[in-house]
Amino acid sequence: MDSLLSSLTQPDAKFLLALNIANLGAILLVAFMALRTSIRQARYQARWRELLQGSTGESIENILLSHVREKNRLEQLAEELNARVSALESGNLSAKRHLGLVRYDAFTDVGGNQSFALAIYDDHGNGAVINSIIGRTECRVYCKPLVSGRSERDLSQEEQRAIREAKASGPRSILSPE
């Protein structure tokens, strides 16, 4: 028993070396784990900085509430814009945007295609045909209503041609240079 007590109180060099190696291994393991934890923490901090970029120290709850309010505002704006577009589209159906213009000589003694027939109507064919007949000494203007692309009154060849031209060219602006 004395030898055991003496070996414990006076350890030999091999035992101390083994103990030091074990301590070194434990220290290296703790250092590795601390380094790994530090790297993970740095990644999380970078993510938080990116998430909170532009914030002024507000809590994440305030930031999220702000984003939700902004999303709701944008959704409401989109609904309002859709309603406006629908109103514009329905109003566009009654816009007189089908145009046909035919210039012609009404009389053989008057040249230069001074007379004209102008057809103007909406997408439903409702509008008018305006015919201006220019002579040497007088000018006459006639207007005939169109309902669903037809007139109750007889149409001249030029007026019929103006209606066909308006239908063929499709919708366009009155201000277009065509």
Foldseek 3Di string as FASTA:
>chain_A
DVVVVVCVVPPDPVVVVVVVVVVVVVVVVVVVVVVVVVVVVVVVVVVVCVVCPPPDPDDVVVVVVVVVVVVVVVVVVVVVVVVVVVVVVVVQQFDFFQKFKDFDQPDPVDDDSPWMWMDTGGNQLWDWIWTWHDDPVDIDIDIFTTGSVDTPDDDDPRNVRGSVNSVVVDGDDPPDPD
